[in-house]
Amino acid sequence: MLYLISGEYPVEMDDNLYQIIRIQGLFLLLILSALFSVLEVSFLTVSKSKLKSLYDIGYQRAKIYLDYKDKPEELIQSILVGNNLVNIIAAVLSTVVFSKLLSDGGATVAAITASLGIIIFGEIIPKTFGSYRGEKVLFILSWFTSFVLFIFKPLSRLLGGFSMFFLRVFGFKKEDYPASISLEEVKAVMEMGEEHGSIEEEETKMIHGVFSLGQTYAYEVMVPRVDMVALEVNTDYAEALNTFVESGHTRLPIYEDTIDNIIGVVHSNDVLRNLVLKNEIKSIREIIREPYIIPETKRVDELLKELKELKLAMAIVVDEYGGIAGLVTIEDIVEEIVGDIKDEFDKEEPEIVPTGENQFIVQGKILLNDLEEQLGINFRVIMKSEDEEEEWQEEFNTLAGFIYAKLGRFPKVGEVLGNDILKIEVLEVKGRRIYKVKIYLSN
């Protein structure tokens, strides 16, 4: 190659023949540049998980790339050293070729031609191809990868050491920039997968549900106190079994005197077993299990881990004052990931039922954000009166909580609140719970 560049030939040969050899060498260098470029992009495009799955099913050539996914700079530096070296030699050789062909302006033509050739055929085309056919490229070029590492890895390590030395002089530390994937990047990949059809919409929702567990608290997924089915500790077996049958639950909390004094949990199997065996024990006090008590601010991902470790299916939730706020089951947590789970005992009742033009019957327990999204309105803005503070001190999540906050008291059946744009009529209450309301929207 040095002879081709310098023009000093080891043997007597026609200059035209050497010119042909130079041109052939130039094409060879351009091909090498393209190989370096397509290998670089393909390696960066194909994920470690994809390479791992291919290796697990028998593609042994994936191993060479897997070894460098945890330290990609070693392979990338080797590729860049080789690519830059090839491009420099190609630029010099093209100058020699065009200087021989064109005595005047040969250097200028060489610079333009070499630049365009390297950019188009050595960069754009191979890198575009590699971004679309990364897996195939990696397996076809596994031999070339081994060659690149054998030839250029020692040099790349030397140059990389010099580079890191100068970077440290300017305050850069490699450990300050860990090579990790952020949650936002994972979500972006999922959305791209859904757009391209490789990930189903339901799968995306489930994955988002898993991610949201770390930002979800027990009070957001619990069965609220007013909806809890519980047994008094002195309840006999027959009555307890009847409650299990009517509620459809397999576990129920047990209280003594008041619901705020939960002393245990009983399983339907224990009740049924004692009934079948006709034990002399008259009440369920003797078969209750110790309750697992958690604060309402417990993160759901932590709770799920604890329930699995303790082999429990239910936790009792208490508020900041120690009163019972509700209960959480593993099913409630799983529903955050997969959506509502219905069985043959669940009576499915829609939370919003249209009854006419701009009229809806709505359950009080519906989340206010969900209701606002479905109806396309903002209750906080529409229902805000002039004498209220600029910003709501929001201590509610549901429509019922919003009504409580607006009235400052428990409403009566038939009571209406609102204005010309939005009216809310209380249709049904159960105990101290707003069960159903009717919403009227103006045109």
Foldseek 3Di string as FASTA:
>chain_A
DVCLLVVPDPDDDDVVVSLVVLVVLLVVLLVLLLLLQLLLLLLVQDDLVNLVVVVVVPLVLSVVSNVCNQPVLLLNLLSVVSNVVSLVVSLSSLLVSQCVVDVPCSNVVSNVVSVVSCCPRNHDVSNVVSNVCSVVSSSVCSVVSVVSCVPRSVVSVVVVVVVVVVVVVVPDDPVVDDPDDDPVNVLVVQVVCCVVVVAPPLRSLLVVLVVCLQVDWQLVLFDFPVRADAAEQFDFLVVVLVSCVLQVDQKHFYAYPDPQRTAFMAGNVVSVVCVVVVDPDGGCNVHGHGAAEDERGHRRVVVLVVCVVVVHFKHFYAYPVSGTGGMDGVQSSSCSNNNDDDDPNDDDDDQWDDDDVQKIKGFQFAFPVVVCVVVVHDCCVQQDDPPDDPDDPDPDGTNQSVVCVSVVDQDDQQDWDGDPAKIKGQHDADDSGRTIIMMHGDD
